[in-house]
C-alpha atoms as a PDB file:
ATOM      1  CA  MET A   1      88.902 111.374  83.399  1.00  0.00           C
ATOM      2  CA  HIS A   2      90.139 111.447  86.973  1.00  0.00           C
ATOM      3  CA  ASN A   3      89.573 108.515  89.271  1.00  0.00           C
ATOM      4  CA  LYS A   4      89.522 108.510  93.043  1.00  0.00           C
ATOM      5  CA  ASP A   5      91.677 105.425  93.495  1.00  0.00           C
ATOM      6  CA  PHE A   6      94.575 105.488  95.914  1.00  0.00           C
ATOM      7  CA  HIS A   7      97.798 103.834  94.853  1.00  0.00           C
ATOM      8  CA  VAL A   8     100.706 102.515  96.901  1.00  0.00           C
ATOM      9  CA  LEU A   9     104.354 102.294  95.909  1.00  0.00           C
ATOM     10  CA  ALA A  10     107.016 100.757  98.109  1.00  0.00           C
ATOM     11  CA  LEU A  11     110.774 100.473  97.784  1.00  0.00           C
ATOM     12  CA  VAL A  12     113.026  98.622 100.212  1.00  0.00           C
ATOM     13  CA  LYS A  13     116.754  99.351  99.992  1.00  0.00           C
ATOM     14  CA  GLY A  14     118.799  97.691 102.687  1.00  0.00           C
ATOM     15  CA  GLU A  15     117.445  98.896 106.009  1.00  0.00           C
ATOM     16  CA  HIS A  16     115.463 101.737 104.414  1.00  0.00           C
ATOM     17  CA  GLN A  17     111.825 101.550 103.404  1.00  0.00           C
ATOM     18  CA  PHE A  18     110.176 104.133 101.175  1.00  0.00           C
ATOM     19  CA  VAL A  19     106.371 103.991 100.970  1.00  0.00           C
ATOM     20  CA  TYR A  20     104.210 106.384  98.961  1.00  0.00           C
ATOM     21  CA  ILE A  21     100.414 106.614  98.950  1.00  0.00           C
ATOM     22  CA  PHE A  22      98.977 108.832  96.237  1.00  0.00           C
ATOM     23  CA  ASP A  23      96.060 109.416  93.911  1.00  0.00           C
ATOM     24  CA  GLU A  24      95.965 110.695  90.352  1.00  0.00           C
ATOM     25  CA  MET A  25      95.588 114.305  91.469  1.00  0.00           C
ATOM     26  CA  GLY A  26      98.726 113.968  93.615  1.00  0.00           C
ATOM     27  CA  TRP A  27     100.944 112.924  90.681  1.00  0.00           C
ATOM     28  CA  ASP A  28     102.872 116.229  90.574  1.00  0.00           C
ATOM     29  CA  ASP A  29     103.454 116.164  94.337  1.00  0.00           C
ATOM     30  CA  LEU A  30     104.701 112.583  94.137  1.00  0.00           C
ATOM     31  CA  VAL A  31     107.192 113.407  91.370  1.00  0.00           C
ATOM     32  CA  GLU A  32     108.398 116.452  93.297  1.00  0.00           C
ATOM     33  CA  THR A  33     108.901 114.323  96.418  1.00  0.00           C
ATOM     34  CA  LEU A  34     110.798 111.659  94.473  1.00  0.00           C
ATOM     35  CA  CYS A  35     113.088 114.322  92.980  1.00  0.00           C
ATOM     36  CA  GLN A  36     113.750 115.912  96.368  1.00  0.00           C
ATOM     37  CA  GLN A  37     114.626 112.547  97.845  1.00  0.00           C
ATOM     38  CA  ALA A  38     116.928 111.709  94.919  1.00  0.00           C
ATOM     39  CA  GLU A  39     118.764 115.012  95.482  1.00  0.00           C
ATOM     40  CA  ASP A  40     119.184 114.378  99.218  1.00  0.00           C
ATOM     41  CA  PRO A  41     122.690 112.966  99.858  1.00  0.00           C
ATOM     42  CA  ASN A  42     121.564 111.722 103.292  1.00  0.00           C
ATOM     43  CA  LEU A  43     119.085 109.258 101.786  1.00  0.00           C
ATOM     44  CA  GLU A  44     119.883 105.994 100.068  1.00  0.00           C
ATOM     45  CA  PHE A  45     117.555 106.975  97.240  1.00  0.00           C
ATOM     46  CA  SER A  46     118.940 107.470  93.738  1.00  0.00           C
ATOM     47  CA  TRP A  47     117.717 109.122  90.557  1.00  0.00           C
ATOM     48  CA  PHE A  48     117.236 105.615  89.189  1.00  0.00           C
ATOM     49  CA  ASP A  49     114.894 104.880  92.121  1.00  0.00           C
ATOM     50  CA  ALA A  50     112.976 108.094  91.400  1.00  0.00           C
ATOM     51  CA  ALA A  51     112.655 107.246  87.708  1.00  0.00           C
ATOM     52  CA  LEU A  52     111.579 103.673  88.426  1.00  0.00           C
ATOM     53  CA  LEU A  53     108.955 104.676  90.987  1.00  0.00           C
ATOM     54  CA  SER A  54     107.566 107.512  88.868  1.00  0.00           C
ATOM     55  CA  HIS A  55     107.198 105.090  85.952  1.00  0.00           C
ATOM     56  CA  ARG A  56     105.424 102.553  88.178  1.00  0.00           C
ATOM     57  CA  ALA A  57     103.146 105.270  89.557  1.00  0.00           C
ATOM     58  CA  LYS A  58     102.183 106.423  86.067  1.00  0.00           C
ATOM     59  CA  THR A  59     101.505 102.811  85.066  1.00  0.00           C
ATOM     60  CA  GLN A  60      99.230 102.333  88.097  1.00  0.00           C
ATOM     61  CA  ILE A  61      97.279 105.495  87.262  1.00  0.00           C
ATOM     62  CA  GLU A  62      96.895 104.519  83.602  1.00  0.00           C
ATOM     63  CA  SER A  63      95.767 100.993  84.529  1.00  0.00           C
ATOM     64  CA  ALA A  64      93.192 102.364  86.962  1.00  0.00           C
ATOM     65  CA  ASN A  65      91.899 104.790  84.328  1.00  0.00           C
ATOM     66  CA  GLU A  66      91.611 101.988  81.768  1.00  0.00           C
ATOM     67  CA  SER A  67      89.741  99.812  84.272  1.00  0.00           C
ATOM     68  CA  ASN A  68      87.369 102.637  85.179  1.00  0.00           C
ATOM     69  CA  THR A  69      86.806 103.463  81.512  1.00  0.00           C
ATOM     70  CA  ASP A  70      86.019  99.827  80.734  1.00  0.00           C
ATOM     71  CA  VAL A  71      83.378  99.740  83.465  1.00  0.00           C
ATOM     72  CA  THR A  72      81.757 103.059  82.611  1.00  0.00           C
ATOM     73  CA  GLU A  73      81.742 102.462  78.865  1.00  0.00           C
ATOM     74  CA  THR A  74      80.183  99.017  79.223  1.00  0.00           C
ATOM     75  CA  THR A  75      76.547  99.934  79.660  1.00  0.00           C
ATOM     76  CA  SER A  76      74.865  96.725  78.615  1.00  0.00           C
ATOM     77  CA  ILE A  77      75.516  92.998  78.796  1.00  0.00           C
ATOM     78  CA  ASP A  78      73.600  92.361  75.594  1.00  0.00           C
ATOM     79  CA  ASN A  79      71.166  94.362  73.480  1.00  0.00           C
ATOM     80  CA  GLU A  80      68.263  93.851  75.889  1.00  0.00           C
ATOM     81  CA  THR A  81      69.830  93.901  79.377  1.00  0.00           C
ATOM     82  CA  GLU A  82      71.049  97.159  80.913  1.00  0.00           C
ATOM     83  CA  LEU A  83      73.982  96.986  83.320  1.00  0.00           C
ATOM     84  CA  ASP A  84      73.488  98.638  86.718  1.00  0.00           C
ATOM     85  CA  THR A  85      77.053  99.603  87.716  1.00  0.00           C
ATOM     86  CA  ASN A  86      75.904 100.397  91.269  1.00  0.00           C
ATOM     87  CA  ALA A  87      74.517  96.908  91.867  1.00  0.00           C
ATOM     88  CA  PRO A  88      76.557  94.282  93.736  1.00  0.00           C
ATOM     89  CA  ILE A  89      78.910  92.378  91.445  1.00  0.00           C
ATOM     90  CA  THR A  90      76.988  89.107  91.797  1.00  0.00           C
ATOM     91  CA  SER A  91      73.830  90.734  90.447  1.00  0.00           C
ATOM     92  CA  ARG A  92      75.722  92.064  87.403  1.00  0.00           C
ATOM     93  CA  LEU A  93      76.874  88.649  86.227  1.00  0.00           C
ATOM     94  CA  PRO A  94      75.143  87.297  83.114  1.00  0.00           C
ATOM     95  CA  ARG A  95      72.743  84.459  83.811  1.00  0.00           C
END
């Protein structure tokens, strides 16, 4: 299942700041970008940085998918009350 969440990764190394905004569908592009930056001798960005950020990105995507799965699979609060996932959060709280 693909979600439409956007994720943000940031790395600060000395005076350099690396910020990445991506979604699940952009995973391959993100990894490619991280690899290109790790190969660039003009950047203070190492293969360790690329590995660390790709791991964090994957973790963010997996967490978002688990959260979305939990919400979509939970269809009722109890046996008699249906859960409207489009309703405001306050109206979905059990009374």
